[in-house]
């Protein structure tokens, strides 16, 4: 019986300090070994795996962004156009069916401004696929006719194709028949002079032009008047009034009246309405050629 108790005590101590303790140590050692291997593996390959995962996520995002229809442009909000149609502007923009990520507002604006009738364009792009275009068109100041071809000319002298018939617009006929194309520039002083002439003489609707004589209009009697490049139009018209009065008083019908220099108008007599002293080509008297002191300037 004593021996049996000793054996039991030995078993209890073994269970308390021996076998069980050994099992715990063994299990603890195995767990620490697995974590260590995992940490070692992550230390060696963790950065690479993170990079691969991040790259895969980025590729997936790019694919979604560039393949989802919501990010593709299929229209635009276009404002400011009257002569140029919305379809023309949209076609020139080159944005149809393009991903919004590929649309450059600067490039789109440049393509639209390549249209002859467009003076400027502003383009705004916003997500998911919104494009707003605001244009400023070239406003026609007059019609420029070369042969049978008629062009619009804006305030800056830029030649653009006509888009519609404009009633009552001032027309200039080019007697030199210079060939023109969209985008060509005409001397702005000619445009300014024609506008001022129309302002001071509203009945004038047709002006002729040549590089030699400049702007040319006809008096009610049909006499050609050379006005030059269009500068000092008001002063020239004031002096012309005096010249016409002098010619009528002397019964002279001129072939032309040269007003290119308002201080020295010149005429070529055509005939004398009544017999009198012949008048040779020359200058009108200085007193008759100077504009009235109170005459305002062109400006």
C-alpha atoms as a PDB file:
ATOM      1  CA  UNK A   1       0.000   0.000   0.000  1.00  0.00           C
ATOM      2  CA  UNK A   2       2.866   2.339   0.790  1.00  0.00           C
ATOM      3  CA  UNK A   3       4.448   1.521  -2.524  1.00  0.00           C
ATOM      4  CA  UNK A   4       1.208   2.193  -4.366  1.00  0.00           C
ATOM      5  CA  UNK A   5       0.981   5.664  -2.784  1.00  0.00           C
ATOM      6  CA  UNK A   6       4.553   6.481  -3.709  1.00  0.00           C
ATOM      7  CA  UNK A   7       3.876   5.514  -7.292  1.00  0.00           C
ATOM      8  CA  UNK A   8       0.829   7.724  -7.376  1.00  0.00           C
ATOM      9  CA  UNK A   9       2.780  10.654  -5.992  1.00  0.00           C
ATOM     10  CA  UNK A  10       5.416  10.121  -8.563  1.00  0.00           C
ATOM     11  CA  UNK A  11       2.837  10.192 -11.302  1.00  0.00           C
ATOM     12  CA  UNK A  12       1.288  13.353  -9.956  1.00  0.00           C
ATOM     13  CA  UNK A  13       4.643  15.121  -9.816  1.00  0.00           C
ATOM     14  CA  UNK A  14       5.422  13.930 -13.293  1.00  0.00           C
ATOM     15  CA  UNK A  15       2.126  15.198 -14.459  1.00  0.00           C
ATOM     16  CA  UNK A  16       2.661  18.452 -12.661  1.00  0.00           C
ATOM     17  CA  UNK A  17       6.321  19.044 -13.555  1.00  0.00           C
ATOM     18  CA  UNK A  18       7.320  16.526 -16.157  1.00  0.00           C
ATOM     19  CA  UNK A  19       5.214  15.307 -19.029  1.00  0.00           C
ATOM     20  CA  UNK A  20       2.686  18.119 -19.151  1.00  0.00           C
ATOM     21  CA  UNK A  21       5.384  20.704 -18.800  1.00  0.00           C
ATOM     22  CA  UNK A  22       7.243  19.095 -21.671  1.00  0.00           C
ATOM     23  CA  UNK A  23       4.148  19.162 -23.863  1.00  0.00           C
ATOM     24  CA  UNK A  24       3.587  22.850 -23.192  1.00  0.00           C
ATOM     25  CA  UNK A  25       7.160  23.649 -24.062  1.00  0.00           C
ATOM     26  CA  UNK A  26       6.942  21.655 -27.220  1.00  0.00           C
ATOM     27  CA  UNK A  27       3.767  23.352 -28.337  1.00  0.00           C
ATOM     28  CA  UNK A  28       5.103  26.786 -27.478  1.00  0.00           C
ATOM     29  CA  UNK A  29       8.264  26.121 -29.399  1.00  0.00           C
ATOM     30  CA  UNK A  30       6.312  25.080 -32.509  1.00  0.00           C
ATOM     31  CA  UNK A  31       4.136  28.218 -32.446  1.00  0.00           C
ATOM     32  CA  UNK A  32       7.102  30.542 -32.160  1.00  0.00           C
ATOM     33  CA  UNK A  33       8.829  28.746 -35.002  1.00  0.00           C
ATOM     34  CA  UNK A  34       5.818  29.280 -37.396  1.00  0.00           C
ATOM     35  CA  UNK A  35       5.576  33.011 -36.637  1.00  0.00           C
ATOM     36  CA  UNK A  36       9.296  33.382 -37.075  1.00  0.00           C
ATOM     37  CA  UNK A  37       9.195  31.715 -40.491  1.00  0.00           C
ATOM     38  CA  UNK A  38       6.252  33.882 -41.509  1.00  0.00           C
ATOM     39  CA  UNK A  39       7.990  37.045 -40.403  1.00  0.00           C
ATOM     40  CA  UNK A  40      11.146  35.981 -42.172  1.00  0.00           C
ATOM     41  CA  UNK A  41       9.201  35.241 -45.372  1.00  0.00           C
ATOM     42  CA  UNK A  42       7.446  38.640 -45.180  1.00  0.00           C
ATOM     43  CA  UNK A  43      10.740  40.359 -44.586  1.00  0.00           C
ATOM     44  CA  UNK A  44      12.166  38.794 -47.708  1.00  0.00           C
ATOM     45  CA  UNK A  45       9.196  39.024 -50.042  1.00  0.00           C
ATOM     46  CA  UNK A  46       6.692  41.362 -48.341  1.00  0.00           C
ATOM     47  CA  UNK A  47       7.783  44.508 -50.198  1.00  0.00           C
ATOM     48  CA  UNK A  48       7.598  42.720 -53.549  1.00  0.00           C
ATOM     49  CA  UNK A  49       4.196  41.284 -52.821  1.00  0.00           C
ATOM     50  CA  UNK A  50       2.908  44.691 -51.715  1.00  0.00           C
ATOM     51  CA  UNK A  51       4.235  46.241 -54.911  1.00  0.00           C
ATOM     52  CA  UNK A  52       2.627  43.567 -57.071  1.00  0.00           C
ATOM     53  CA  UNK A  53      -0.692  43.977 -55.260  1.00  0.00           C
ATOM     54  CA  UNK A  54      -0.558  47.768 -55.591  1.00  0.00           C
ATOM     55  CA  UNK A  55       0.322  47.511 -59.271  1.00  0.00           C
ATOM     56  CA  UNK A  56      -2.546  45.128 -59.889  1.00  0.00           C
ATOM     57  CA  UNK A  57      -4.925  47.488 -58.101  1.00  0.00           C
ATOM     58  CA  UNK A  58      -3.657  50.427 -60.179  1.00  0.00           C
ATOM     59  CA  UNK A  59      -4.064  48.517 -63.449  1.00  0.00           C
ATOM     60  CA  UNK A  60      -7.574  47.577 -62.469  1.00  0.00           C
ATOM     61  CA  UNK A  61      -8.442  51.217 -61.638  1.00  0.00           C
ATOM     62  CA  UNK A  62      -7.017  52.435 -64.953  1.00  0.00           C
ATOM     63  CA  UNK A  63      -8.959  49.806 -66.821  1.00  0.00           C
ATOM     64  CA  UNK A  64     -12.175  50.819 -65.094  1.00  0.00           C
ATOM     65  CA  UNK A  65     -11.591  54.541 -65.707  1.00  0.00           C
ATOM     66  CA  UNK A  66     -10.737  54.151 -69.391  1.00  0.00           C
ATOM     67  CA  UNK A  67     -13.369  51.576 -70.223  1.00  0.00           C
ATOM     68  CA  UNK A  68     -16.414  52.802 -68.324  1.00  0.00           C
ATOM     69  CA  UNK A  69     -18.806  54.683 -70.658  1.00  0.00           C
ATOM     70  CA  UNK A  70     -19.565  57.297 -68.011  1.00  0.00           C
ATOM     71  CA  UNK A  71     -16.081  58.772 -68.543  1.00  0.00           C
ATOM     72  CA  UNK A  72     -16.448  59.152 -72.331  1.00  0.00           C
ATOM     73  CA  UNK A  73     -17.556  62.391 -74.033  1.00  0.00           C
ATOM     74  CA  UNK A  74     -20.589  62.201 -76.284  1.00  0.00           C
ATOM     75  CA  UNK A  75     -21.644  65.859 -76.328  1.00  0.00           C
ATOM     76  CA  UNK A  76     -20.764  69.397 -75.242  1.00  0.00           C
ATOM     77  CA  UNK A  77     -22.465  72.535 -73.992  1.00  0.00           C
ATOM     78  CA  UNK A  78     -21.673  75.113 -76.714  1.00  0.00           C
ATOM     79  CA  UNK A  79     -22.537  78.791 -76.300  1.00  0.00           C
ATOM     80  CA  UNK A  80     -21.831  82.095 -78.052  1.00  0.00           C
ATOM     81  CA  UNK A  81     -22.243  80.916 -81.642  1.00  0.00           C
ATOM     82  CA  UNK A  82     -24.695  82.396 -84.124  1.00  0.00           C
ATOM     83  CA  UNK A  83     -23.180  82.245 -87.615  1.00  0.00           C
ATOM     84  CA  UNK A  84     -21.262  78.995 -87.028  1.00  0.00           C
ATOM     85  CA  UNK A  85     -23.458  76.001 -86.254  1.00  0.00           C
ATOM     86  CA  UNK A  86     -23.113  73.930 -83.109  1.00  0.00           C
ATOM     87  CA  UNK A  87     -22.387  70.868 -85.243  1.00  0.00           C
ATOM     88  CA  UNK A  88     -19.434  72.618 -86.920  1.00  0.00           C
ATOM     89  CA  UNK A  89     -17.909  73.602 -83.601  1.00  0.00           C
ATOM     90  CA  UNK A  90     -18.423  70.153 -82.059  1.00  0.00           C
ATOM     91  CA  UNK A  91     -16.917  68.425 -85.087  1.00  0.00           C
ATOM     92  CA  UNK A  92     -13.896  70.762 -85.040  1.00  0.00           C
ATOM     93  CA  UNK A  93     -13.325  70.113 -81.316  1.00  0.00           C
ATOM     94  CA  UNK A  94     -12.492  66.452 -81.973  1.00  0.00           C
ATOM     95  CA  UNK A  95     -13.787  65.308 -78.573  1.00  0.00           C
ATOM     96  CA  UNK A  96     -16.568  62.967 -79.641  1.00  0.00           C
ATOM     97  CA  UNK A  97     -16.238  59.459 -78.116  1.00  0.00           C
ATOM     98  CA  UNK A  98     -12.985  60.445 -76.395  1.00  0.00           C
ATOM     99  CA  UNK A  99     -12.144  59.592 -72.800  1.00  0.00           C
ATOM    100  CA  UNK A 100     -12.400  62.668 -70.623  1.00  0.00           C
ATOM    101  CA  UNK A 101      -8.878  61.915 -69.368  1.00  0.00           C
ATOM    102  CA  UNK A 102      -7.505  62.505 -72.882  1.00  0.00           C
ATOM    103  CA  UNK A 103      -9.336  65.807 -73.476  1.00  0.00           C
ATOM    104  CA  UNK A 104      -7.030  68.844 -73.250  1.00  0.00           C
ATOM    105  CA  UNK A 105      -8.908  72.129 -72.969  1.00  0.00           C
ATOM    106  CA  UNK A 106      -6.048  74.047 -74.627  1.00  0.00           C
ATOM    107  CA  UNK A 107      -5.825  71.722 -77.616  1.00  0.00           C
ATOM    108  CA  UNK A 108      -9.604  71.685 -78.071  1.00  0.00           C
ATOM    109  CA  UNK A 109      -9.729  75.507 -77.983  1.00  0.00           C
ATOM    110  CA  UNK A 110      -6.958  75.733 -80.594  1.00  0.00           C
ATOM    111  CA  UNK A 111      -8.791  73.350 -82.915  1.00  0.00           C
ATOM    112  CA  UNK A 112     -12.001  75.369 -82.608  1.00  0.00           C
ATOM    113  CA  UNK A 113     -10.188  78.667 -83.227  1.00  0.00           C
ATOM    114  CA  UNK A 114      -8.877  77.194 -86.468  1.00  0.00           C
ATOM    115  CA  UNK A 115     -12.388  77.765 -87.842  1.00  0.00           C
ATOM    116  CA  UNK A 116     -12.207  81.021 -89.861  1.00  0.00           C
ATOM    117  CA  UNK A 117     -15.302  82.571 -88.284  1.00  0.00           C
ATOM    118  CA  UNK A 118     -14.230  81.885 -84.679  1.00  0.00           C
ATOM    119  CA  UNK A 119     -12.213  84.637 -82.994  1.00  0.00           C
ATOM    120  CA  UNK A 120     -11.665  82.960 -79.610  1.00  0.00           C
ATOM    121  CA  UNK A 121     -12.776  79.884 -77.675  1.00  0.00           C
ATOM    122  CA  UNK A 122     -12.724  78.856 -74.014  1.00  0.00           C
ATOM    123  CA  UNK A 123     -13.067  75.177 -73.058  1.00  0.00           C
ATOM    124  CA  UNK A 124     -13.839  73.772 -69.604  1.00  0.00           C
ATOM    125  CA  UNK A 125     -13.602  70.039 -68.803  1.00  0.00           C
ATOM    126  CA  UNK A 126     -15.102  68.469 -65.672  1.00  0.00           C
ATOM    127  CA  UNK A 127     -15.908  64.956 -64.440  1.00  0.00           C
ATOM    128  CA  UNK A 128     -17.357  62.578 -65.198  1.00  0.00           C
ATOM    129  CA  UNK A 129     -17.475  63.663 -68.892  1.00  0.00           C
ATOM    130  CA  UNK A 130     -18.683  67.263 -69.109  1.00  0.00           C
ATOM    131  CA  UNK A 131     -17.267  69.689 -71.691  1.00  0.00           C
ATOM    132  CA  UNK A 132     -18.374  73.328 -71.936  1.00  0.00           C
ATOM    133  CA  UNK A 133     -17.330  75.448 -74.937  1.00  0.00           C
ATOM    134  CA  UNK A 134     -17.818  79.204 -75.183  1.00  0.00           C
ATOM    135  CA  UNK A 135     -16.886  80.914 -78.448  1.00  0.00           C
ATOM    136  CA  UNK A 136     -16.647  84.481 -79.721  1.00  0.00           C
ATOM    137  CA  UNK A 137     -17.354  84.831 -83.433  1.00  0.00           C
ATOM    138  CA  UNK A 138     -15.860  87.334 -85.839  1.00  0.00           C
ATOM    139  CA  UNK A 139     -18.505  89.956 -86.518  1.00  0.00           C
ATOM    140  CA  UNK A 140     -18.688  91.115 -90.153  1.00  0.00           C
ATOM    141  CA  UNK A 141     -18.150  94.843 -90.635  1.00  0.00           C
ATOM    142  CA  UNK A 142     -18.476  94.869 -94.404  1.00  0.00           C
ATOM    143  CA  UNK A 143     -18.581  92.755 -97.550  1.00  0.00           C
ATOM    144  CA  UNK A 144     -15.480  92.483 -99.724  1.00  0.00           C
ATOM    145  CA  UNK A 145     -16.152  91.491-103.326  1.00  0.00           C
ATOM    146  CA  UNK A 146     -13.480  90.189-105.689  1.00  0.00           C
ATOM    147  CA  UNK A 147     -15.053  89.369-109.023  1.00  0.00           C
ATOM    148  CA  UNK A 148     -18.057  87.230-108.215  1.00  0.00           C
ATOM    149  CA  UNK A 149     -16.689  86.047-104.859  1.00  0.00           C
ATOM    150  CA  UNK A 150     -17.942  87.819-101.723  1.00  0.00           C
ATOM    151  CA  UNK A 151     -16.251  87.640 -98.313  1.00  0.00           C
ATOM    152  CA  UNK A 152     -16.994  88.883 -94.834  1.00  0.00           C
ATOM    153  CA  UNK A 153     -14.427  91.223 -93.285  1.00  0.00           C
ATOM    154  CA  UNK A 154     -14.384  91.835 -89.537  1.00  0.00           C
ATOM    155  CA  UNK A 155     -13.210  94.891 -87.617  1.00  0.00           C
ATOM    156  CA  UNK A 156      -9.600  93.668 -87.600  1.00  0.00           C
ATOM    157  CA  UNK A 157      -9.618  93.148 -91.367  1.00  0.00           C
ATOM    158  CA  UNK A 158      -9.737  89.352 -91.193  1.00  0.00           C
ATOM    159  CA  UNK A 159     -11.377  87.680 -94.183  1.00  0.00           C
ATOM    160  CA  UNK A 160     -13.906  84.949 -93.344  1.00  0.00           C
ATOM    161  CA  UNK A 161     -16.464  83.013 -95.412  1.00  0.00           C
ATOM    162  CA  UNK A 162     -19.966  84.553 -95.387  1.00  0.00           C
ATOM    163  CA  UNK A 163     -22.512  82.533 -93.441  1.00  0.00           C
ATOM    164  CA  UNK A 164     -25.710  84.334 -94.373  1.00  0.00           C
ATOM    165  CA  UNK A 165     -27.070  87.289 -96.285  1.00  0.00           C
ATOM    166  CA  UNK A 166     -26.906  90.531 -94.323  1.00  0.00           C
ATOM    167  CA  UNK A 167     -29.154  93.237 -95.726  1.00  0.00           C
ATOM    168  CA  UNK A 168     -27.785  96.761 -95.936  1.00  0.00           C
ATOM    169  CA  UNK A 169     -24.159  95.832 -95.233  1.00  0.00           C
ATOM    170  CA  UNK A 170     -21.535  98.093 -96.766  1.00  0.00           C
ATOM    171  CA  UNK A 171     -19.873  96.518 -99.808  1.00  0.00           C
ATOM    172  CA  UNK A 172     -16.365  97.169-101.143  1.00  0.00           C
ATOM    173  CA  UNK A 173     -15.521  96.051-104.677  1.00  0.00           C
ATOM    174  CA  UNK A 174     -11.848  95.256-105.223  1.00  0.00           C
ATOM    175  CA  UNK A 175     -10.877  96.619-108.629  1.00  0.00           C
ATOM    176  CA  UNK A 176      -7.456  94.934-108.367  1.00  0.00           C
ATOM    177  CA  UNK A 177      -9.091  91.467-108.131  1.00  0.00           C
ATOM    178  CA  UNK A 178      -6.652  90.280-105.483  1.00  0.00           C
ATOM    179  CA  UNK A 179      -7.259  86.594-104.651  1.00  0.00           C
ATOM    180  CA  UNK A 180      -8.239  86.011-101.025  1.00  0.00           C
ATOM    181  CA  UNK A 181      -8.576  83.024 -98.721  1.00  0.00           C
ATOM    182  CA  UNK A 182     -10.106  82.606 -95.250  1.00  0.00           C
ATOM    183  CA  UNK A 183      -7.798  84.118 -92.672  1.00  0.00           C
ATOM    184  CA  UNK A 184      -6.215  86.715 -94.984  1.00  0.00           C
ATOM    185  CA  UNK A 185      -5.897  90.220 -93.551  1.00  0.00           C
ATOM    186  CA  UNK A 186      -6.970  93.467 -95.193  1.00  0.00           C
ATOM    187  CA  UNK A 187      -5.405  96.724 -94.005  1.00  0.00           C
ATOM    188  CA  UNK A 188      -7.476  97.680 -90.933  1.00  0.00           C
ATOM    189  CA  UNK A 189      -7.245 101.365 -91.923  1.00  0.00           C
ATOM    190  CA  UNK A 190      -9.321 100.559 -94.998  1.00  0.00           C
ATOM    191  CA  UNK A 191     -11.990  98.949 -92.826  1.00  0.00           C
ATOM    192  CA  UNK A 192     -11.955 101.870 -90.399  1.00  0.00           C
ATOM    193  CA  UNK A 193     -12.164 104.370 -93.234  1.00  0.00           C
ATOM    194  CA  UNK A 194     -15.088 102.567 -94.826  1.00  0.00           C
ATOM    195  CA  UNK A 195     -16.943 102.471 -91.503  1.00  0.00           C
ATOM    196  CA  UNK A 196     -16.372 106.185 -90.901  1.00  0.00           C
ATOM    197  CA  UNK A 197     -17.447 107.000 -94.426  1.00  0.00           C
ATOM    198  CA  UNK A 198     -20.669 105.089 -93.861  1.00  0.00           C
ATOM    199  CA  UNK A 199     -21.140 106.906 -90.559  1.00  0.00           C
ATOM    200  CA  UNK A 200     -20.720 110.381 -92.062  1.00  0.00           C
ATOM    201  CA  UNK A 201     -22.486 109.540 -95.328  1.00  0.00           C
ATOM    202  CA  UNK A 202     -25.207 106.951 -94.527  1.00  0.00           C
ATOM    203  CA  UNK A 203     -26.403 106.874 -98.141  1.00  0.00           C
ATOM    204  CA  UNK A 204     -23.130 105.307 -99.263  1.00  0.00           C
ATOM    205  CA  UNK A 205     -23.618 101.556 -99.725  1.00  0.00           C
ATOM    206  CA  UNK A 206     -20.973 100.784-102.355  1.00  0.00           C
ATOM    207  CA  UNK A 207     -17.283 101.642-102.304  1.00  0.00           C
ATOM    208  CA  UNK A 208     -14.616 100.679-104.797  1.00  0.00           C
ATOM    209  CA  UNK A 209     -11.011 100.032-103.858  1.00  0.00           C
ATOM    210  CA  UNK A 210      -7.680  99.911-105.660  1.00  0.00           C
ATOM    211  CA  UNK A 211      -4.139 100.011-104.350  1.00  0.00           C
ATOM    212  CA  UNK A 212      -3.440 103.143-106.409  1.00  0.00           C
ATOM    213  CA  UNK A 213      -6.411 105.316-105.460  1.00  0.00           C
ATOM    214  CA  UNK A 214      -7.546 103.641-102.243  1.00  0.00           C
ATOM    215  CA  UNK A 215     -11.229 103.960-101.358  1.00  0.00           C
ATOM    216  CA  UNK A 216     -13.314 105.462-104.142  1.00  0.00           C
ATOM    217  CA  UNK A 217     -16.896 106.726-103.945  1.00  0.00           C
ATOM    218  CA  UNK A 218     -19.112 108.523-106.437  1.00  0.00           C
ATOM    219  CA  UNK A 219     -20.893 111.825-105.940  1.00  0.00           C
ATOM    220  CA  UNK A 220     -24.607 112.119-106.774  1.00  0.00           C
ATOM    221  CA  UNK A 221     -23.475 113.456-110.166  1.00  0.00           C
ATOM    222  CA  UNK A 222     -21.432 110.280-110.749  1.00  0.00           C
ATOM    223  CA  UNK A 223     -18.014 111.885-110.278  1.00  0.00           C
ATOM    224  CA  UNK A 224     -15.394 109.491-108.768  1.00  0.00           C
ATOM    225  CA  UNK A 225     -13.786 110.686-105.544  1.00  0.00           C
ATOM    226  CA  UNK A 226     -10.480 109.120-104.442  1.00  0.00           C
ATOM    227  CA  UNK A 227     -10.242 108.995-100.637  1.00  0.00           C
ATOM    228  CA  UNK A 228      -7.009 107.055-100.234  1.00  0.00           C
ATOM    229  CA  UNK A 229      -6.355 104.683 -97.355  1.00  0.00           C
ATOM    230  CA  UNK A 230      -9.310 105.749 -95.233  1.00  0.00           C
ATOM    231  CA  UNK A 231      -7.495 108.009 -92.775  1.00  0.00           C
ATOM    232  CA  UNK A 232      -8.857 111.498 -92.035  1.00  0.00           C
ATOM    233  CA  UNK A 233     -12.183 110.635 -93.651  1.00  0.00           C
ATOM    234  CA  UNK A 234     -14.113 113.384 -91.911  1.00  0.00           C
ATOM    235  CA  UNK A 235     -11.656 116.094 -92.920  1.00  0.00           C
ATOM    236  CA  UNK A 236     -11.703 114.826 -96.504  1.00  0.00           C
ATOM    237  CA  UNK A 237     -15.489 114.939 -96.620  1.00  0.00           C
ATOM    238  CA  UNK A 238     -15.576 118.478 -95.243  1.00  0.00           C
ATOM    239  CA  UNK A 239     -13.125 119.654 -97.898  1.00  0.00           C
ATOM    240  CA  UNK A 240     -14.987 117.684-100.566  1.00  0.00           C
ATOM    241  CA  UNK A 241     -18.150 119.635 -99.786  1.00  0.00           C
ATOM    242  CA  UNK A 242     -16.288 122.888-100.502  1.00  0.00           C
ATOM    243  CA  UNK A 243     -14.710 121.454-103.645  1.00  0.00           C
ATOM    244  CA  UNK A 244     -18.068 120.326-105.024  1.00  0.00           C
ATOM    245  CA  UNK A 245     -19.592 123.729-104.338  1.00  0.00           C
ATOM    246  CA  UNK A 246     -16.681 125.412-106.114  1.00  0.00           C
ATOM    247  CA  UNK A 247     -16.914 123.095-109.137  1.00  0.00           C
ATOM    248  CA  UNK A 248     -20.635 123.637-109.479  1.00  0.00           C
ATOM    249  CA  UNK A 249     -20.204 127.367-109.172  1.00  0.00           C
ATOM    250  CA  UNK A 250     -17.675 127.239-112.013  1.00  0.00           C
ATOM    251  CA  UNK A 251     -19.771 124.766-114.035  1.00  0.00           C
ATOM    252  CA  UNK A 252     -16.940 122.230-114.151  1.00  0.00           C
ATOM    253  CA  UNK A 253     -17.645 118.493-114.530  1.00  0.00           C
ATOM    254  CA  UNK A 254     -14.510 116.637-113.373  1.00  0.00           C
ATOM    255  CA  UNK A 255     -13.348 113.240-114.506  1.00  0.00           C
ATOM    256  CA  UNK A 256     -12.359 112.590-110.896  1.00  0.00           C
ATOM    257  CA  UNK A 257     -11.648 114.365-107.641  1.00  0.00           C
ATOM    258  CA  UNK A 258      -8.530 113.295-105.766  1.00  0.00           C
ATOM    259  CA  UNK A 259      -8.995 113.780-101.994  1.00  0.00           C
ATOM    260  CA  UNK A 260      -6.121 111.600-100.839  1.00  0.00           C
ATOM    261  CA  UNK A 261      -4.505 114.728 -99.400  1.00  0.00           C
ATOM    262  CA  UNK A 262      -7.271 116.821 -97.843  1.00  0.00           C
ATOM    263  CA  UNK A 263      -5.005 119.887 -97.775  1.00  0.00           C
ATOM    264  CA  UNK A 264      -4.385 119.704-101.507  1.00  0.00           C
ATOM    265  CA  UNK A 265      -7.385 118.286-103.385  1.00  0.00           C
ATOM    266  CA  UNK A 266      -6.892 117.734-107.115  1.00  0.00           C
ATOM    267  CA  UNK A 267      -9.406 117.271-109.927  1.00  0.00           C
ATOM    268  CA  UNK A 268      -9.266 116.459-113.625  1.00  0.00           C
ATOM    269  CA  UNK A 269     -11.791 118.510-115.618  1.00  0.00           C
ATOM    270  CA  UNK A 270     -13.923 116.573-118.019  1.00  0.00           C
ATOM    271  CA  UNK A 271     -15.734 119.424-119.758  1.00  0.00           C
ATOM    272  CA  UNK A 272     -17.119 122.861-119.219  1.00  0.00           C
ATOM    273  CA  UNK A 273     -20.842 123.048-118.843  1.00  0.00           C
ATOM    274  CA  UNK A 274     -20.799 126.516-120.332  1.00  0.00           C
ATOM    275  CA  UNK A 275     -18.256 128.452-122.288  1.00  0.00           C
ATOM    276  CA  UNK A 276     -15.786 130.132-120.069  1.00  0.00           C
ATOM    277  CA  UNK A 277     -12.179 130.215-119.163  1.00  0.00           C
ATOM    278  CA  UNK A 278     -10.648 126.720-119.500  1.00  0.00           C
ATOM    279  CA  UNK A 279      -9.674 125.057-116.262  1.00  0.00           C
ATOM    280  CA  UNK A 280      -6.620 122.821-116.318  1.00  0.00           C
ATOM    281  CA  UNK A 281      -5.975 119.985-113.942  1.00  0.00           C
ATOM    282  CA  UNK A 282      -4.548 121.289-110.739  1.00  0.00           C
ATOM    283  CA  UNK A 283      -5.257 122.128-107.125  1.00  0.00           C
ATOM    284  CA  UNK A 284      -8.207 123.898-105.658  1.00  0.00           C
ATOM    285  CA  UNK A 285      -7.337 127.180-103.961  1.00  0.00           C
ATOM    286  CA  UNK A 286      -5.928 126.627-100.465  1.00  0.00           C
ATOM    287  CA  UNK A 287      -8.767 128.566 -98.925  1.00  0.00           C
ATOM    288  CA  UNK A 288     -11.207 126.162-100.511  1.00  0.00           C
ATOM    289  CA  UNK A 289      -9.188 123.078 -99.704  1.00  0.00           C
ATOM    290  CA  UNK A 290      -8.841 123.547 -95.961  1.00  0.00           C
ATOM    291  CA  UNK A 291     -11.547 122.063 -93.726  1.00  0.00           C
ATOM    292  CA  UNK A 292     -13.640 124.367 -91.608  1.00  0.00           C
ATOM    293  CA  UNK A 293     -11.884 125.404 -88.353  1.00  0.00           C
ATOM    294  CA  UNK A 294     -14.682 123.937 -86.229  1.00  0.00           C
ATOM    295  CA  UNK A 295     -14.775 120.641 -88.079  1.00  0.00           C
ATOM    296  CA  UNK A 296     -14.228 117.782 -85.598  1.00  0.00           C
ATOM    297  CA  UNK A 297     -11.588 115.176 -86.262  1.00  0.00           C
ATOM    298  CA  UNK A 298     -12.263 111.574 -87.298  1.00  0.00           C
ATOM    299  CA  UNK A 299     -11.816 110.436 -83.738  1.00  0.00           C
END
